């Protein structure tokens, strides 16, 4: 009997390491949190005890709008073929328009502070995102973006097809995106 219990425990341990049984393809769980000046919320405040990543980046909010991989994948998908990094190979990125994702959160501000898992942040004007049809890529060359690569999500700009973006640097190409704060630009 003890041997059976050990085998069962080992099997459960292996199953736990493989992730959840539903969505084990990397499509379950919340991967993007939009907070700040938004009108649509579906979660409460940060819990420092169970959400240390937010705390590590100094993120504190009372409410937010969450997106899991499947909810983002259910939005209309767009494809951008362009070089990344700048001057590198042409890659095919796909995902929803970032403006469509933002519309669900109902932004009240005019700027985004986008944060990646490595701590890299950029402040980007919402109108610029809308003007250039930036996508929140979930896939590269048909494969889901994973943690440890460019995932869970990545901002991709159409510099290969939008003449106004030709030769733009990679500064606003955030990969590992997990949080976006909506803010209002300070008056000069």
Protein backbone atom coordinates (compact mmCIF):
# COMPACT_ATOMS: atom_id res chain seq x y z
CA UNK A 1 0.00 0.00 0.00
CA UNK A 2 2.82 2.38 0.86
CA UNK A 3 4.43 1.74 -2.53
CA UNK A 4 1.15 2.62 -4.29
CA UNK A 5 0.91 5.87 -2.31
CA UNK A 6 4.48 6.80 -3.25
CA UNK A 7 3.80 6.11 -6.94
CA UNK A 8 0.60 8.18 -6.77
CA UNK A 9 2.44 11.02 -5.06
CA UNK A 10 5.16 10.95 -7.71
CA UNK A 11 2.55 10.96 -10.48
CA UNK A 12 0.78 13.94 -8.91
CA UNK A 13 4.10 15.74 -8.57
CA UNK A 14 4.90 15.17 -12.23
CA UNK A 15 1.40 16.35 -13.22
CA UNK A 16 1.82 19.49 -11.10
CA UNK A 17 5.09 20.32 -12.84
CA UNK A 18 3.40 20.05 -16.23
CA UNK A 19 0.92 22.81 -15.37
CA UNK A 20 -2.85 22.65 -15.28
CA UNK A 21 -4.58 19.88 -17.18
CA UNK A 22 -6.87 22.27 -19.01
CA UNK A 23 -4.94 24.88 -20.92
CA UNK A 24 -1.65 23.03 -20.57
CA UNK A 25 -0.75 24.54 -23.93
CA UNK A 26 0.05 27.81 -22.13
CA UNK A 27 -3.37 29.33 -22.72
CA UNK A 28 -4.77 29.44 -19.18
CA UNK A 29 -4.33 31.94 -16.37
CA UNK A 30 -4.20 35.70 -16.38
CA UNK A 31 -1.28 37.04 -18.39
CA UNK A 32 -2.10 40.76 -18.67
CA UNK A 33 -3.30 43.23 -16.07
CA UNK A 34 -4.48 46.69 -17.12
CA UNK A 35 -4.97 49.15 -14.28
CA UNK A 36 -4.99 52.85 -13.51
CA UNK A 37 -7.44 55.19 -15.19
CA UNK A 38 -9.82 52.60 -16.62
CA UNK A 39 -13.58 52.18 -16.59
CA UNK A 40 -13.85 48.38 -16.75
CA UNK A 41 -12.65 46.38 -13.77
CA UNK A 42 -12.98 42.74 -12.85
CA UNK A 43 -10.60 42.38 -9.93
CA UNK A 44 -9.79 44.09 -6.68
CA UNK A 45 -6.61 45.46 -5.14
CA UNK A 46 -3.13 44.01 -5.20
CA UNK A 47 -2.51 41.45 -2.46
CA UNK A 48 1.18 41.79 -1.53
CA UNK A 49 1.16 38.38 0.14
CA UNK A 50 0.14 36.48 -3.00
CA UNK A 51 1.21 38.88 -5.79
CA UNK A 52 4.86 39.67 -5.08
CA UNK A 53 5.63 40.50 -8.72
CA UNK A 54 3.40 43.57 -8.58
CA UNK A 55 5.09 44.58 -5.34
CA UNK A 56 8.56 44.07 -6.78
CA UNK A 57 7.74 46.60 -9.49
CA UNK A 58 6.03 49.04 -7.10
CA UNK A 59 2.60 48.45 -8.64
CA UNK A 60 -0.26 49.18 -6.32
CA UNK A 61 -3.84 49.44 -7.52
CA UNK A 62 -7.33 49.10 -6.10
CA UNK A 63 -8.90 47.63 -9.23
CA UNK A 64 -7.82 46.26 -12.60
CA UNK A 65 -8.98 44.54 -15.77
CA UNK A 66 -7.54 41.06 -16.35
CA UNK A 67 -6.93 39.16 -19.54
CA UNK A 68 -5.98 35.52 -19.91
CA UNK A 69 -4.37 34.11 -23.02
CA UNK A 70 -7.64 32.64 -24.31
CA UNK A 71 -9.56 35.92 -23.93
CA UNK A 72 -6.86 37.74 -25.92
CA UNK A 73 -6.78 34.97 -28.50
CA UNK A 74 -10.58 35.23 -28.89
CA UNK A 75 -10.26 38.82 -30.10
CA UNK A 76 -9.81 39.47 -33.82
CA UNK A 77 -6.22 38.51 -34.64
CA UNK A 78 -3.95 40.63 -36.81
CA UNK A 79 -0.62 39.73 -38.37
CA UNK A 80 2.48 41.87 -38.79
CA UNK A 81 5.47 40.65 -40.77
CA UNK A 82 8.52 42.71 -39.93
CA UNK A 83 12.10 42.59 -38.80
CA UNK A 84 12.83 42.04 -35.14
CA UNK A 85 15.17 43.05 -33.78
CA UNK A 86 15.73 46.04 -36.07
CA UNK A 87 17.62 44.79 -39.12
CA UNK A 88 17.16 41.19 -37.99
CA UNK A 89 15.14 38.40 -39.53
CA UNK A 90 11.61 38.95 -40.79
CA UNK A 91 9.22 37.36 -38.33
CA UNK A 92 5.45 36.91 -38.43
CA UNK A 93 3.74 38.16 -35.27
CA UNK A 94 0.03 37.77 -34.58
CA UNK A 95 -2.34 38.91 -31.88
CA UNK A 96 -5.11 41.42 -31.23
CA UNK A 97 -4.73 45.12 -31.83
CA UNK A 98 -3.58 46.69 -28.59
CA UNK A 99 -6.30 49.32 -29.12
CA UNK A 100 -8.95 46.55 -29.09
CA UNK A 101 -7.57 45.23 -25.80
CA UNK A 102 -7.52 48.74 -24.34
CA UNK A 103 -11.10 49.36 -25.49
CA UNK A 104 -12.24 46.48 -23.28
CA UNK A 105 -10.55 48.12 -20.27
CA UNK A 106 -12.17 51.44 -21.24
CA UNK A 107 -9.16 53.75 -20.76
CA UNK A 108 -9.80 57.18 -19.25
CA UNK A 109 -6.22 58.43 -19.61
CA UNK A 110 -4.11 59.21 -22.67
CA UNK A 111 -0.83 57.42 -21.92
CA UNK A 112 0.26 53.87 -21.20
CA UNK A 113 3.04 52.73 -18.92
CA UNK A 114 3.83 49.27 -20.26
CA UNK A 115 5.84 46.95 -18.00
CA UNK A 116 7.72 43.81 -19.01
CA UNK A 117 8.78 40.91 -16.82
CA UNK A 118 12.41 42.08 -16.86
CA UNK A 119 11.38 45.45 -15.41
CA UNK A 120 11.70 47.38 -18.67
CA UNK A 121 9.05 50.10 -18.91
CA UNK A 122 8.00 52.54 -21.59
CA UNK A 123 5.47 55.34 -21.54
CA UNK A 124 3.56 55.40 -24.82
CA UNK A 125 0.81 57.69 -26.08
CA UNK A 126 -2.48 55.83 -26.64
CA UNK A 127 -3.16 57.83 -29.82
CA UNK A 128 0.17 56.63 -31.25
CA UNK A 129 -0.81 53.01 -30.55
CA UNK A 130 -4.14 53.53 -32.32
CA UNK A 131 -2.63 55.43 -35.26
CA UNK A 132 -0.14 52.67 -36.08
CA UNK A 133 -2.26 49.56 -35.37
CA UNK A 134 0.17 48.14 -32.82
CA UNK A 135 -0.59 44.53 -31.93
CA UNK A 136 -0.25 42.74 -28.63
CA UNK A 137 1.43 39.71 -30.13
CA UNK A 138 0.65 36.30 -28.67
CA UNK A 139 2.41 34.29 -31.37
CA UNK A 140 5.57 34.49 -33.41
CA UNK A 141 5.81 32.45 -36.60
CA UNK A 142 2.65 30.61 -35.56
CA UNK A 143 3.93 29.53 -32.13
CA UNK A 144 2.64 30.94 -28.81
CA UNK A 145 5.08 33.32 -27.14
CA UNK A 146 6.32 31.72 -23.95
CA UNK A 147 7.86 32.91 -20.73
CA UNK A 148 11.62 32.82 -21.17
CA UNK A 149 11.19 33.95 -24.77
CA UNK A 150 9.21 37.01 -25.85
CA UNK A 151 6.05 36.07 -23.91
CA UNK A 152 3.58 36.11 -22.51
CA UNK A 153 2.83 39.02 -24.85
CA UNK A 154 4.78 41.54 -26.90
CA UNK A 155 4.12 44.96 -28.41
CA UNK A 156 4.78 44.77 -32.15
CA UNK A 157 4.79 47.81 -34.42
CA UNK A 158 4.24 47.54 -38.20
CA UNK A 159 7.51 49.20 -39.15
CA UNK A 160 7.80 46.98 -42.20
CA UNK A 161 4.54 48.23 -43.74
CA UNK A 162 3.98 51.66 -42.14
CA UNK A 163 6.29 54.25 -43.79
CA UNK A 164 6.04 56.51 -40.73
CA UNK A 165 7.71 53.76 -38.66
CA UNK A 166 10.43 52.74 -41.13
CA UNK A 167 13.67 52.22 -39.25
CA UNK A 168 12.15 52.85 -35.80
CA UNK A 169 14.26 51.58 -32.93
CA UNK A 170 13.22 48.62 -30.78
CA UNK A 171 12.72 50.84 -27.70
CA UNK A 172 8.90 50.57 -27.81
CA UNK A 173 8.92 46.86 -28.73
CA UNK A 174 8.34 45.50 -25.26
CA UNK A 175 8.40 41.73 -24.85
CA UNK A 176 7.40 39.88 -21.71
CA UNK A 177 4.52 42.34 -21.26
CA UNK A 178 2.40 41.56 -18.20
CA UNK A 179 1.05 44.92 -17.00
CA UNK A 180 -0.17 48.18 -18.49
CA UNK A 181 -1.05 51.22 -16.42
CA UNK A 182 -3.30 53.87 -18.00
CA UNK A 183 -2.40 57.41 -16.91
CA UNK A 184 -3.06 60.99 -17.94
CA UNK A 185 -0.05 62.96 -19.15
CA UNK A 186 1.02 65.71 -16.83
CA UNK A 187 0.26 69.19 -18.13
CA UNK A 188 3.35 71.17 -19.15
